[in-house]
Amino acid sequence: MIGPVILDDSMTGQNYLDFLQNELPKQLEDVPLATRIAMYFQHDGTPSHYTRHVMQYLYDTFPNRWIGRGSTINWPPRSPDLNPWIFVYGV
């Protein structure tokens, strides 16, 4: 788990995309390459996470390795207490 990261501005699609492109790589600098290659990116159902530009970035950067609405691994609707990893790994 990486974070949490506190963003100063209100959450918009553009602010979230800026975070993904500029801040997330800084957070991952100390994570070994083998781990980064195998890791999944998970986020919740916040509307700003699903703008067209954000979705395209996630598809390009984490192909088949991100969890959320519109991904190959969906976040369970209205189930904040369920962790999607249960569905991926049966944990």
N, C-alpha and C. Protein backbone atom coordinates (compact mmCIF):
# COMPACT_ATOMS: atom_id res chain seq x y z
N MET A 1 0.85 -1.16 0.00
CA MET A 1 0.00 0.00 0.00
C MET A 1 0.89 1.23 0.00
N ILE A 2 0.50 2.20 -0.83
CA ILE A 2 1.23 3.45 -0.94
C ILE A 2 0.27 4.58 -0.59
N GLY A 3 0.75 5.53 0.18
CA GLY A 3 -0.09 6.67 0.53
C GLY A 3 -0.43 6.63 2.00
N PRO A 4 -1.37 7.39 2.42
CA PRO A 4 -2.24 8.25 1.61
C PRO A 4 -1.52 9.51 1.15
N VAL A 5 -2.07 10.11 0.11
CA VAL A 5 -1.58 11.36 -0.42
C VAL A 5 -2.71 12.37 -0.30
N ILE A 6 -2.43 13.51 0.30
CA ILE A 6 -3.43 14.56 0.47
C ILE A 6 -3.25 15.58 -0.64
N LEU A 7 -4.31 15.81 -1.41
CA LEU A 7 -4.28 16.80 -2.48
C LEU A 7 -4.92 18.09 -1.99
N ASP A 8 -4.31 19.19 -2.33
CA ASP A 8 -4.78 20.49 -1.85
C ASP A 8 -6.05 20.97 -2.55
N ASP A 9 -6.17 20.71 -3.83
CA ASP A 9 -7.30 21.21 -4.60
C ASP A 9 -8.49 20.27 -4.53
N SER A 10 -9.66 20.78 -4.93
CA SER A 10 -10.82 19.91 -5.02
C SER A 10 -10.58 18.89 -6.12
N MET A 11 -11.19 17.74 -5.98
CA MET A 11 -10.93 16.64 -6.89
C MET A 11 -11.73 16.81 -8.18
N THR A 12 -11.00 17.01 -9.25
CA THR A 12 -11.59 17.04 -10.60
C THR A 12 -10.87 15.98 -11.41
N GLY A 13 -11.40 15.68 -12.57
CA GLY A 13 -10.73 14.72 -13.44
C GLY A 13 -9.33 15.18 -13.80
N GLN A 14 -9.16 16.47 -14.07
CA GLN A 14 -7.85 16.99 -14.44
C GLN A 14 -6.88 16.93 -13.27
N ASN A 15 -7.34 17.27 -12.06
CA ASN A 15 -6.46 17.18 -10.89
C ASN A 15 -6.04 15.73 -10.62
N TYR A 16 -6.97 14.81 -10.80
CA TYR A 16 -6.66 13.40 -10.59
C TYR A 16 -5.66 12.91 -11.64
N LEU A 17 -5.86 13.31 -12.89
CA LEU A 17 -4.94 12.93 -13.95
C LEU A 17 -3.56 13.51 -13.66
N ASP A 18 -3.49 14.75 -13.22
CA ASP A 18 -2.21 15.35 -12.84
C ASP A 18 -1.53 14.54 -11.73
N PHE A 19 -2.31 14.11 -10.75
CA PHE A 19 -1.77 13.26 -9.68
C PHE A 19 -1.20 11.97 -10.25
N LEU A 20 -1.96 11.31 -11.12
CA LEU A 20 -1.51 10.04 -11.69
C LEU A 20 -0.23 10.20 -12.50
N GLN A 21 -0.13 11.30 -13.24
CA GLN A 21 1.02 11.51 -14.10
C GLN A 21 2.24 12.07 -13.38
N ASN A 22 2.02 12.88 -12.34
CA ASN A 22 3.14 13.59 -11.72
C ASN A 22 3.48 13.15 -10.30
N GLU A 23 2.50 12.86 -9.48
CA GLU A 23 2.75 12.52 -8.08
C GLU A 23 2.88 11.03 -7.84
N LEU A 24 2.05 10.22 -8.49
CA LEU A 24 2.12 8.78 -8.29
C LEU A 24 3.49 8.21 -8.64
N PRO A 25 4.10 8.63 -9.77
CA PRO A 25 5.45 8.11 -10.05
C PRO A 25 6.46 8.42 -8.94
N LYS A 26 6.33 9.58 -8.30
CA LYS A 26 7.22 9.90 -7.18
C LYS A 26 6.99 8.94 -6.02
N GLN A 27 5.72 8.60 -5.78
CA GLN A 27 5.39 7.67 -4.70
C GLN A 27 5.94 6.27 -4.97
N LEU A 28 6.10 5.94 -6.25
CA LEU A 28 6.55 4.60 -6.63
C LEU A 28 8.06 4.48 -6.79
N GLU A 29 8.78 5.56 -6.63
CA GLU A 29 10.24 5.55 -6.86
C GLU A 29 10.97 4.52 -6.02
N ASP A 30 10.55 4.32 -4.79
CA ASP A 30 11.24 3.39 -3.90
C ASP A 30 10.70 1.96 -3.98
N VAL A 31 9.71 1.73 -4.82
CA VAL A 31 9.14 0.40 -4.99
C VAL A 31 9.98 -0.33 -6.04
N PRO A 32 10.45 -1.53 -5.73
CA PRO A 32 11.27 -2.27 -6.70
C PRO A 32 10.55 -2.48 -8.03
N LEU A 33 11.30 -2.47 -9.10
CA LEU A 33 10.73 -2.59 -10.44
C LEU A 33 9.88 -3.84 -10.59
N ALA A 34 10.34 -4.96 -10.08
CA ALA A 34 9.58 -6.21 -10.20
C ALA A 34 8.21 -6.08 -9.53
N THR A 35 8.15 -5.37 -8.42
CA THR A 35 6.88 -5.14 -7.73
C THR A 35 6.00 -4.21 -8.55
N ARG A 36 6.56 -3.13 -9.08
CA ARG A 36 5.78 -2.18 -9.89
C ARG A 36 5.19 -2.86 -11.11
N ILE A 37 5.93 -3.75 -11.73
CA ILE A 37 5.44 -4.44 -12.93
C ILE A 37 4.26 -5.34 -12.59
N ALA A 38 4.27 -5.93 -11.40
CA ALA A 38 3.22 -6.88 -11.02
C ALA A 38 2.07 -6.24 -10.25
N MET A 39 2.22 -4.98 -9.83
CA MET A 39 1.21 -4.39 -8.96
C MET A 39 -0.06 -3.99 -9.71
N TYR A 40 -1.14 -3.90 -8.94
CA TYR A 40 -2.42 -3.43 -9.43
C TYR A 40 -2.69 -2.05 -8.86
N PHE A 41 -3.39 -1.23 -9.59
CA PHE A 41 -3.79 0.09 -9.12
C PHE A 41 -5.27 0.02 -8.78
N GLN A 42 -5.63 0.40 -7.57
CA GLN A 42 -7.01 0.32 -7.09
C GLN A 42 -7.49 1.71 -6.70
N HIS A 43 -8.66 2.07 -7.18
CA HIS A 43 -9.30 3.31 -6.72
C HIS A 43 -10.79 3.10 -6.63
N ASP A 44 -11.48 4.05 -6.01
CA ASP A 44 -12.90 3.87 -5.73
C ASP A 44 -13.77 4.49 -6.82
N GLY A 45 -15.05 4.66 -6.53
CA GLY A 45 -16.01 5.11 -7.52
C GLY A 45 -16.20 6.61 -7.62
N THR A 46 -15.26 7.40 -7.15
CA THR A 46 -15.38 8.84 -7.25
C THR A 46 -15.52 9.25 -8.72
N PRO A 47 -16.51 10.08 -9.06
CA PRO A 47 -16.72 10.45 -10.47
C PRO A 47 -15.49 11.01 -11.17
N SER A 48 -14.66 11.76 -10.47
CA SER A 48 -13.47 12.33 -11.11
C SER A 48 -12.46 11.26 -11.54
N HIS A 49 -12.58 10.06 -11.00
CA HIS A 49 -11.69 8.97 -11.38
C HIS A 49 -12.07 8.38 -12.73
N TYR A 50 -13.20 8.78 -13.27
CA TYR A 50 -13.70 8.13 -14.48
C TYR A 50 -13.92 9.09 -15.65
N THR A 51 -13.16 10.17 -15.70
CA THR A 51 -13.23 11.02 -16.87
C THR A 51 -12.53 10.29 -18.02
N ARG A 52 -12.82 10.69 -19.22
CA ARG A 52 -12.27 10.02 -20.40
C ARG A 52 -10.74 10.01 -20.37
N HIS A 53 -10.13 11.12 -20.01
CA HIS A 53 -8.67 11.20 -20.00
C HIS A 53 -8.05 10.32 -18.91
N VAL A 54 -8.68 10.28 -17.76
CA VAL A 54 -8.19 9.42 -16.67
C VAL A 54 -8.30 7.96 -17.07
N MET A 55 -9.45 7.57 -17.62
CA MET A 55 -9.64 6.17 -18.02
C MET A 55 -8.61 5.76 -19.07
N GLN A 56 -8.37 6.63 -20.05
CA GLN A 56 -7.38 6.30 -21.08
C GLN A 56 -5.99 6.15 -20.48
N TYR A 57 -5.65 7.02 -19.54
CA TYR A 57 -4.35 6.93 -18.87
C TYR A 57 -4.23 5.60 -18.12
N LEU A 58 -5.27 5.21 -17.40
CA LEU A 58 -5.23 3.95 -16.66
C LEU A 58 -5.10 2.75 -17.59
N TYR A 59 -5.85 2.76 -18.71
CA TYR A 59 -5.74 1.66 -19.68
C TYR A 59 -4.33 1.58 -20.25
N ASP A 60 -3.71 2.73 -20.51
CA ASP A 60 -2.37 2.75 -21.10
C ASP A 60 -1.29 2.40 -20.09
N THR A 61 -1.43 2.88 -18.86
CA THR A 61 -0.38 2.74 -17.86
C THR A 61 -0.47 1.44 -17.07
N PHE A 62 -1.69 1.00 -16.78
CA PHE A 62 -1.92 -0.22 -15.99
C PHE A 62 -2.82 -1.18 -16.78
N PRO A 63 -2.40 -1.65 -17.96
CA PRO A 63 -3.28 -2.50 -18.77
C PRO A 63 -3.66 -3.78 -18.02
N ASN A 64 -4.97 -3.97 -17.83
CA ASN A 64 -5.51 -5.13 -17.10
C ASN A 64 -4.96 -5.25 -15.69
N ARG A 65 -4.48 -4.13 -15.13
CA ARG A 65 -3.92 -4.15 -13.77
C ARG A 65 -4.44 -2.99 -12.95
N TRP A 66 -5.68 -2.60 -13.15
CA TRP A 66 -6.27 -1.60 -12.28
C TRP A 66 -7.67 -2.04 -11.93
N ILE A 67 -8.09 -1.66 -10.73
CA ILE A 67 -9.37 -2.08 -10.18
C ILE A 67 -10.25 -0.85 -10.05
N GLY A 68 -11.43 -0.93 -10.63
CA GLY A 68 -12.38 0.17 -10.55
C GLY A 68 -13.42 0.06 -11.64
N ARG A 69 -14.40 0.93 -11.61
CA ARG A 69 -15.47 0.93 -12.61
C ARG A 69 -14.87 1.10 -14.00
N GLY A 70 -15.23 0.23 -14.94
CA GLY A 70 -14.71 0.30 -16.28
C GLY A 70 -13.48 -0.54 -16.52
N SER A 71 -12.95 -1.15 -15.47
CA SER A 71 -11.77 -2.00 -15.58
C SER A 71 -12.20 -3.43 -15.81
N THR A 72 -11.23 -4.29 -16.09
CA THR A 72 -11.54 -5.71 -16.18
C THR A 72 -11.81 -6.30 -14.80
N ILE A 73 -11.41 -5.58 -13.75
CA ILE A 73 -11.70 -5.98 -12.36
C ILE A 73 -12.51 -4.84 -11.75
N ASN A 74 -13.80 -5.01 -11.64
CA ASN A 74 -14.69 -3.95 -11.15
C ASN A 74 -14.66 -3.83 -9.64
N TRP A 75 -14.83 -2.61 -9.17
CA TRP A 75 -15.03 -2.34 -7.74
C TRP A 75 -16.47 -2.74 -7.43
N PRO A 76 -16.71 -3.54 -6.40
CA PRO A 76 -18.09 -3.94 -6.09
C PRO A 76 -18.96 -2.72 -5.80
N PRO A 77 -20.10 -2.58 -6.49
CA PRO A 77 -20.94 -1.40 -6.28
C PRO A 77 -21.50 -1.33 -4.87
N ARG A 78 -21.47 -0.13 -4.29
CA ARG A 78 -22.03 0.15 -2.96
C ARG A 78 -21.54 -0.82 -1.90
N SER A 79 -20.30 -1.27 -2.02
CA SER A 79 -19.74 -2.21 -1.05
C SER A 79 -18.38 -1.72 -0.57
N PRO A 80 -18.35 -0.60 0.16
CA PRO A 80 -17.06 -0.07 0.58
C PRO A 80 -16.31 -0.98 1.55
N ASP A 81 -17.02 -1.92 2.17
CA ASP A 81 -16.35 -2.80 3.12
C ASP A 81 -15.77 -4.04 2.44
N LEU A 82 -16.07 -4.26 1.17
CA LEU A 82 -15.51 -5.40 0.47
C LEU A 82 -14.25 -4.97 -0.28
N ASN A 83 -13.23 -5.74 -0.16
CA ASN A 83 -11.99 -5.45 -0.87
C ASN A 83 -11.97 -6.27 -2.15
N PRO A 84 -11.82 -5.64 -3.32
CA PRO A 84 -11.81 -6.38 -4.58
C PRO A 84 -10.74 -7.46 -4.66
N TRP A 85 -9.68 -7.36 -3.83
CA TRP A 85 -8.67 -8.41 -3.86
C TRP A 85 -9.25 -9.76 -3.50
N ILE A 86 -10.35 -9.76 -2.75
CA ILE A 86 -11.01 -11.01 -2.42
C ILE A 86 -11.42 -11.73 -3.69
N PHE A 87 -11.91 -10.94 -4.67
CA PHE A 87 -12.39 -11.52 -5.91
C PHE A 87 -11.24 -11.93 -6.84
N VAL A 88 -10.09 -11.25 -6.72
CA VAL A 88 -8.95 -11.55 -7.57
C VAL A 88 -8.18 -12.75 -7.05
N TYR A 89 -7.90 -12.74 -5.76
CA TYR A 89 -7.04 -13.77 -5.18
C TYR A 89 -7.75 -14.73 -4.23
N GLY A 90 -9.03 -14.51 -3.98
CA GLY A 90 -9.77 -15.39 -3.09
C GLY A 90 -9.29 -15.33 -1.67
N VAL A 91 -8.74 -14.19 -1.26
CA VAL A 91 -8.20 -14.03 0.10
C VAL A 91 -9.34 -13.83 1.06
